[in-house]
Amino acid sequence: MKVRRDVLRLALEIAKESYPNEFVALLTGKRKIIEELLFLPFDAGVSSAIIHMEMLPLGYRIYGTVHSHPSPSCKPSRADLDMFAKHGVVHIIVCYPFEWGCWGFYDKNGKEVKIEIVD
């Protein structure tokens, strides 16, 4: 799996703008390259973000999720692991201070994985 550099930059920007609340979006793309963030309505606070999957339009390939942690820990919480298990195969957590490299990549079980960053 690969992720476009501009997708990570956008996720970090949105996390900064949402701080101290979390944000959540879906990861979509093609040919195993994450190319876009897909935003659905979501409820967010300082300790959670819940996405409304019932609003997902038909026809999107969902690779996984991205969300922010307003703390410096990118480690998945129990709620994160529950979300990971339900939505896709790869998940990105961006964490405070939302600078380049402040992220973790995880599989659906919460195990850290490597994802290539591409232009």
N, C-alpha and C. Protein backbone atom coordinates (compact mmCIF):
# COMPACT_ATOMS: atom_id res chain seq x y z
N MET A 1 0.85 -1.18 0.00
CA MET A 1 0.00 0.00 0.00
C MET A 1 0.89 1.24 0.00
N LYS A 2 0.40 2.28 -0.68
CA LYS A 2 1.13 3.54 -0.76
C LYS A 2 0.16 4.68 -0.43
N VAL A 3 0.72 5.81 -0.02
CA VAL A 3 -0.08 7.00 0.25
C VAL A 3 0.60 8.20 -0.38
N ARG A 4 -0.20 9.05 -0.99
CA ARG A 4 0.35 10.27 -1.60
C ARG A 4 0.75 11.26 -0.50
N ARG A 5 1.88 11.90 -0.72
CA ARG A 5 2.43 12.88 0.21
C ARG A 5 1.42 13.99 0.51
N ASP A 6 0.70 14.44 -0.53
CA ASP A 6 -0.26 15.53 -0.33
C ASP A 6 -1.45 15.10 0.53
N VAL A 7 -1.78 13.82 0.54
CA VAL A 7 -2.85 13.31 1.42
C VAL A 7 -2.42 13.43 2.88
N LEU A 8 -1.17 13.07 3.17
CA LEU A 8 -0.67 13.21 4.54
C LEU A 8 -0.60 14.68 4.96
N ARG A 9 -0.15 15.54 4.06
CA ARG A 9 -0.10 16.97 4.38
C ARG A 9 -1.49 17.51 4.69
N LEU A 10 -2.48 17.11 3.89
CA LEU A 10 -3.85 17.56 4.11
C LEU A 10 -4.37 17.06 5.45
N ALA A 11 -4.11 15.80 5.78
CA ALA A 11 -4.56 15.25 7.07
C ALA A 11 -3.95 16.02 8.23
N LEU A 12 -2.68 16.38 8.14
CA LEU A 12 -2.03 17.15 9.20
C LEU A 12 -2.63 18.56 9.31
N GLU A 13 -2.91 19.19 8.17
CA GLU A 13 -3.53 20.52 8.18
C GLU A 13 -4.90 20.49 8.83
N ILE A 14 -5.71 19.51 8.46
CA ILE A 14 -7.06 19.41 9.01
C ILE A 14 -7.00 19.12 10.50
N ALA A 15 -6.05 18.28 10.91
CA ALA A 15 -5.89 17.99 12.33
C ALA A 15 -5.57 19.26 13.11
N LYS A 16 -4.67 20.10 12.56
CA LYS A 16 -4.33 21.38 13.21
C LYS A 16 -5.55 22.28 13.33
N GLU A 17 -6.33 22.35 12.25
CA GLU A 17 -7.52 23.20 12.26
C GLU A 17 -8.59 22.68 13.21
N SER A 18 -8.66 21.37 13.38
CA SER A 18 -9.68 20.76 14.25
C SER A 18 -9.29 20.77 15.72
N TYR A 19 -8.01 20.89 16.00
CA TYR A 19 -7.49 20.84 17.37
C TYR A 19 -8.22 21.84 18.27
N PRO A 20 -8.65 21.47 19.47
CA PRO A 20 -8.31 20.26 20.21
C PRO A 20 -9.24 19.08 19.94
N ASN A 21 -10.20 19.24 19.03
CA ASN A 21 -11.07 18.12 18.69
C ASN A 21 -10.40 17.20 17.68
N GLU A 22 -10.85 15.97 17.64
CA GLU A 22 -10.39 15.02 16.65
C GLU A 22 -11.16 15.22 15.35
N PHE A 23 -10.61 14.69 14.26
CA PHE A 23 -11.35 14.60 13.01
C PHE A 23 -11.19 13.18 12.49
N VAL A 24 -12.08 12.77 11.59
CA VAL A 24 -12.00 11.45 10.98
C VAL A 24 -12.45 11.55 9.53
N ALA A 25 -11.79 10.78 8.67
CA ALA A 25 -12.15 10.70 7.25
C ALA A 25 -11.81 9.30 6.75
N LEU A 26 -12.27 9.00 5.57
CA LEU A 26 -11.98 7.72 4.93
C LEU A 26 -10.84 7.89 3.93
N LEU A 27 -10.10 6.82 3.70
CA LEU A 27 -9.01 6.81 2.73
C LEU A 27 -9.49 6.10 1.47
N THR A 28 -9.34 6.75 0.33
CA THR A 28 -9.77 6.16 -0.93
C THR A 28 -8.70 6.39 -1.99
N GLY A 29 -8.80 5.66 -3.07
CA GLY A 29 -7.85 5.78 -4.15
C GLY A 29 -8.04 4.66 -5.14
N LYS A 30 -6.96 4.32 -5.82
CA LYS A 30 -7.01 3.22 -6.78
C LYS A 30 -5.64 2.57 -6.88
N ARG A 31 -5.64 1.33 -7.34
CA ARG A 31 -4.41 0.55 -7.51
C ARG A 31 -3.53 0.54 -6.26
N LYS A 32 -4.17 0.42 -5.11
CA LYS A 32 -3.48 0.35 -3.83
C LYS A 32 -2.67 1.60 -3.51
N ILE A 33 -3.12 2.74 -4.05
CA ILE A 33 -2.51 4.03 -3.72
C ILE A 33 -3.60 4.90 -3.11
N ILE A 34 -3.37 5.34 -1.87
CA ILE A 34 -4.31 6.25 -1.20
C ILE A 34 -4.11 7.62 -1.80
N GLU A 35 -5.16 8.11 -2.48
CA GLU A 35 -5.04 9.36 -3.23
C GLU A 35 -5.91 10.48 -2.69
N GLU A 36 -6.90 10.14 -1.85
CA GLU A 36 -7.85 11.16 -1.40
C GLU A 36 -8.36 10.85 0.00
N LEU A 37 -8.80 11.90 0.66
CA LEU A 37 -9.57 11.77 1.89
C LEU A 37 -11.03 11.98 1.51
N LEU A 38 -11.89 11.11 1.97
CA LEU A 38 -13.32 11.22 1.74
C LEU A 38 -13.97 11.59 3.06
N PHE A 39 -14.61 12.75 3.08
CA PHE A 39 -15.23 13.24 4.31
C PHE A 39 -16.72 12.93 4.30
N LEU A 40 -17.16 12.31 5.37
CA LEU A 40 -18.58 12.09 5.63
C LEU A 40 -18.91 12.87 6.90
N PRO A 41 -20.18 13.11 7.15
CA PRO A 41 -20.51 13.73 8.44
C PRO A 41 -19.95 12.90 9.59
N PHE A 42 -19.46 13.60 10.62
CA PHE A 42 -18.93 12.90 11.80
C PHE A 42 -19.17 13.74 13.03
N ASP A 43 -19.18 13.06 14.17
CA ASP A 43 -19.29 13.71 15.47
C ASP A 43 -17.92 13.64 16.11
N ALA A 44 -17.45 14.78 16.64
CA ALA A 44 -16.09 14.80 17.19
C ALA A 44 -16.04 15.58 18.49
N GLY A 45 -15.09 15.19 19.32
CA GLY A 45 -14.79 15.88 20.55
C GLY A 45 -13.30 15.77 20.81
N VAL A 46 -12.91 16.04 22.05
CA VAL A 46 -11.48 16.00 22.38
C VAL A 46 -10.96 14.58 22.56
N SER A 47 -11.85 13.60 22.66
CA SER A 47 -11.38 12.24 22.86
C SER A 47 -11.96 11.23 21.89
N SER A 48 -12.72 11.68 20.89
CA SER A 48 -13.27 10.72 19.93
C SER A 48 -13.76 11.43 18.68
N ALA A 49 -13.90 10.64 17.63
CA ALA A 49 -14.50 11.07 16.37
C ALA A 49 -15.23 9.86 15.80
N ILE A 50 -16.52 10.01 15.56
CA ILE A 50 -17.34 8.92 15.06
C ILE A 50 -17.88 9.31 13.69
N ILE A 51 -17.55 8.51 12.69
CA ILE A 51 -17.96 8.79 11.32
C ILE A 51 -19.29 8.11 11.02
N HIS A 52 -20.11 8.77 10.22
CA HIS A 52 -21.43 8.24 9.86
C HIS A 52 -21.33 7.49 8.53
N MET A 53 -20.98 6.21 8.61
CA MET A 53 -20.77 5.38 7.43
C MET A 53 -22.04 5.19 6.61
N GLU A 54 -23.20 5.39 7.23
CA GLU A 54 -24.45 5.24 6.48
C GLU A 54 -24.58 6.30 5.38
N MET A 55 -23.73 7.32 5.41
CA MET A 55 -23.76 8.39 4.42
C MET A 55 -22.79 8.13 3.25
N LEU A 56 -22.12 6.98 3.25
CA LEU A 56 -21.13 6.66 2.22
C LEU A 56 -21.82 6.47 0.87
N PRO A 57 -21.42 7.26 -0.14
CA PRO A 57 -21.98 7.06 -1.48
C PRO A 57 -21.51 5.72 -2.06
N LEU A 58 -22.29 5.18 -2.96
CA LEU A 58 -21.93 3.93 -3.62
C LEU A 58 -20.73 4.13 -4.54
N GLY A 59 -19.95 3.09 -4.72
CA GLY A 59 -18.90 3.10 -5.72
C GLY A 59 -17.52 3.51 -5.26
N TYR A 60 -17.34 3.83 -4.00
CA TYR A 60 -16.01 4.21 -3.52
C TYR A 60 -15.25 2.99 -3.02
N ARG A 61 -13.97 2.92 -3.36
CA ARG A 61 -13.09 1.90 -2.80
C ARG A 61 -12.49 2.50 -1.53
N ILE A 62 -12.85 1.95 -0.40
CA ILE A 62 -12.38 2.45 0.88
C ILE A 62 -11.23 1.57 1.36
N TYR A 63 -10.06 2.17 1.48
CA TYR A 63 -8.89 1.44 1.97
C TYR A 63 -8.81 1.44 3.48
N GLY A 64 -9.40 2.46 4.13
CA GLY A 64 -9.33 2.53 5.58
C GLY A 64 -9.73 3.91 6.07
N THR A 65 -9.16 4.32 7.20
CA THR A 65 -9.53 5.58 7.85
C THR A 65 -8.29 6.39 8.21
N VAL A 66 -8.52 7.66 8.44
CA VAL A 66 -7.51 8.55 9.01
C VAL A 66 -8.22 9.36 10.08
N HIS A 67 -7.57 9.55 11.21
CA HIS A 67 -8.12 10.44 12.23
C HIS A 67 -6.98 11.01 13.06
N SER A 68 -7.33 12.01 13.86
CA SER A 68 -6.31 12.69 14.64
C SER A 68 -6.44 12.37 16.12
N HIS A 69 -5.30 12.49 16.80
CA HIS A 69 -5.24 12.43 18.26
C HIS A 69 -4.70 13.78 18.73
N PRO A 70 -5.42 14.46 19.61
CA PRO A 70 -4.94 15.76 20.10
C PRO A 70 -3.82 15.64 21.14
N SER A 71 -3.27 14.46 21.29
CA SER A 71 -2.14 14.22 22.18
C SER A 71 -0.94 13.82 21.32
N PRO A 72 0.26 13.76 21.89
CA PRO A 72 1.43 13.36 21.09
C PRO A 72 1.52 11.85 20.85
N SER A 73 0.55 11.08 21.28
CA SER A 73 0.56 9.63 21.07
C SER A 73 -0.27 9.24 19.85
N CYS A 74 0.36 8.52 18.95
CA CYS A 74 -0.36 7.99 17.79
C CYS A 74 -0.82 6.56 18.03
N LYS A 75 -0.63 6.06 19.23
CA LYS A 75 -1.02 4.68 19.55
C LYS A 75 -2.55 4.54 19.51
N PRO A 76 -3.06 3.51 18.82
CA PRO A 76 -4.51 3.32 18.73
C PRO A 76 -5.14 3.00 20.09
N SER A 77 -6.30 3.60 20.33
CA SER A 77 -7.09 3.31 21.53
C SER A 77 -7.98 2.09 21.26
N ARG A 78 -8.68 1.63 22.28
CA ARG A 78 -9.63 0.53 22.11
C ARG A 78 -10.71 0.91 21.09
N ALA A 79 -11.21 2.15 21.15
CA ALA A 79 -12.22 2.62 20.19
C ALA A 79 -11.63 2.65 18.77
N ASP A 80 -10.36 3.04 18.66
CA ASP A 80 -9.70 3.03 17.35
C ASP A 80 -9.66 1.62 16.79
N LEU A 81 -9.28 0.66 17.61
CA LEU A 81 -9.19 -0.72 17.15
C LEU A 81 -10.56 -1.24 16.70
N ASP A 82 -11.61 -0.85 17.38
CA ASP A 82 -12.96 -1.24 16.97
C ASP A 82 -13.28 -0.66 15.59
N MET A 83 -12.93 0.61 15.38
CA MET A 83 -13.17 1.25 14.08
C MET A 83 -12.31 0.60 12.99
N PHE A 84 -11.04 0.31 13.30
CA PHE A 84 -10.15 -0.32 12.33
C PHE A 84 -10.72 -1.64 11.83
N ALA A 85 -11.25 -2.44 12.76
CA ALA A 85 -11.76 -3.76 12.41
C ALA A 85 -12.95 -3.69 11.45
N LYS A 86 -13.66 -2.58 11.45
CA LYS A 86 -14.88 -2.45 10.65
C LYS A 86 -14.68 -1.78 9.29
N HIS A 87 -13.62 -0.98 9.14
CA HIS A 87 -13.53 -0.10 7.98
C HIS A 87 -12.18 -0.15 7.28
N GLY A 88 -11.98 -1.11 6.42
CA GLY A 88 -10.79 -1.13 5.58
C GLY A 88 -9.62 -1.90 6.16
N VAL A 89 -8.48 -1.77 5.47
CA VAL A 89 -7.31 -2.57 5.82
C VAL A 89 -6.12 -1.76 6.31
N VAL A 90 -6.15 -0.44 6.11
CA VAL A 90 -5.05 0.40 6.56
C VAL A 90 -5.62 1.65 7.23
N HIS A 91 -4.94 2.10 8.27
CA HIS A 91 -5.45 3.23 9.05
C HIS A 91 -4.29 4.13 9.42
N ILE A 92 -4.58 5.43 9.40
CA ILE A 92 -3.56 6.42 9.72
C ILE A 92 -4.06 7.24 10.91
N ILE A 93 -3.20 7.38 11.90
CA ILE A 93 -3.47 8.29 13.01
C ILE A 93 -2.43 9.39 12.94
N VAL A 94 -2.88 10.64 12.88
CA VAL A 94 -1.97 11.78 12.97
C VAL A 94 -2.10 12.35 14.38
N CYS A 95 -0.98 12.75 14.96
CA CYS A 95 -1.02 13.18 16.36
C CYS A 95 -0.30 14.52 16.55
N TYR A 96 -0.65 15.17 17.65
CA TYR A 96 -0.11 16.46 18.04
C TYR A 96 1.41 16.39 18.13
N PRO A 97 2.14 17.34 17.61
CA PRO A 97 1.77 18.68 17.16
C PRO A 97 1.43 18.77 15.67
N PHE A 98 1.14 17.63 15.04
CA PHE A 98 0.68 17.59 13.65
C PHE A 98 1.72 18.13 12.68
N GLU A 99 2.98 17.79 12.93
CA GLU A 99 4.09 18.14 12.04
C GLU A 99 4.41 16.93 11.19
N TRP A 100 5.22 17.14 10.15
CA TRP A 100 5.62 16.05 9.26
C TRP A 100 6.24 14.93 10.08
N GLY A 101 5.74 13.73 9.91
CA GLY A 101 6.23 12.56 10.64
C GLY A 101 5.42 12.23 11.88
N CYS A 102 4.47 13.07 12.25
CA CYS A 102 3.63 12.83 13.44
C CYS A 102 2.43 11.97 13.04
N TRP A 103 2.72 10.71 12.73
CA TRP A 103 1.66 9.78 12.34
C TRP A 103 2.08 8.36 12.62
N GLY A 104 1.09 7.49 12.59
CA GLY A 104 1.31 6.06 12.67
C GLY A 104 0.43 5.39 11.62
N PHE A 105 0.95 4.33 11.00
CA PHE A 105 0.21 3.54 10.03
C PHE A 105 -0.08 2.18 10.65
N TYR A 106 -1.33 1.73 10.55
CA TYR A 106 -1.75 0.50 11.22
C TYR A 106 -2.60 -0.37 10.30
N ASP A 107 -2.58 -1.68 10.57
CA ASP A 107 -3.49 -2.57 9.86
C ASP A 107 -4.81 -2.65 10.62
N LYS A 108 -5.72 -3.48 10.16
CA LYS A 108 -7.05 -3.54 10.77
C LYS A 108 -7.04 -4.10 12.19
N ASN A 109 -5.91 -4.72 12.59
CA ASN A 109 -5.78 -5.25 13.94
C ASN A 109 -5.01 -4.31 14.87
N GLY A 110 -4.58 -3.16 14.35
CA GLY A 110 -3.84 -2.20 15.15
C GLY A 110 -2.35 -2.43 15.18
N LYS A 111 -1.87 -3.34 14.33
CA LYS A 111 -0.43 -3.60 14.24
C LYS A 111 0.19 -2.55 13.33
N GLU A 112 1.30 -1.96 13.77
CA GLU A 112 1.97 -0.94 12.97
C GLU A 112 2.48 -1.57 11.67
N VAL A 113 2.26 -0.85 10.56
CA VAL A 113 2.69 -1.31 9.24
C VAL A 113 3.47 -0.20 8.54
N LYS A 114 4.21 -0.59 7.52
CA LYS A 114 4.93 0.39 6.70
C LYS A 114 4.08 0.69 5.48
N ILE A 115 3.97 1.98 5.18
CA ILE A 115 3.29 2.43 3.96
C ILE A 115 4.24 3.37 3.25
N GLU A 116 4.43 3.13 1.98
CA GLU A 116 5.32 3.98 1.19
C GLU A 116 4.64 5.31 0.89
N ILE A 117 5.37 6.39 1.07
CA ILE A 117 4.87 7.74 0.75
C ILE A 117 5.37 8.10 -0.63
N VAL A 118 4.42 8.45 -1.52
CA VAL A 118 4.76 8.75 -2.91
C VAL A 118 4.28 10.14 -3.30
N ASP A 119 4.90 10.70 -4.35
CA ASP A 119 4.48 12.02 -4.85
C ASP A 119 3.33 11.91 -5.83
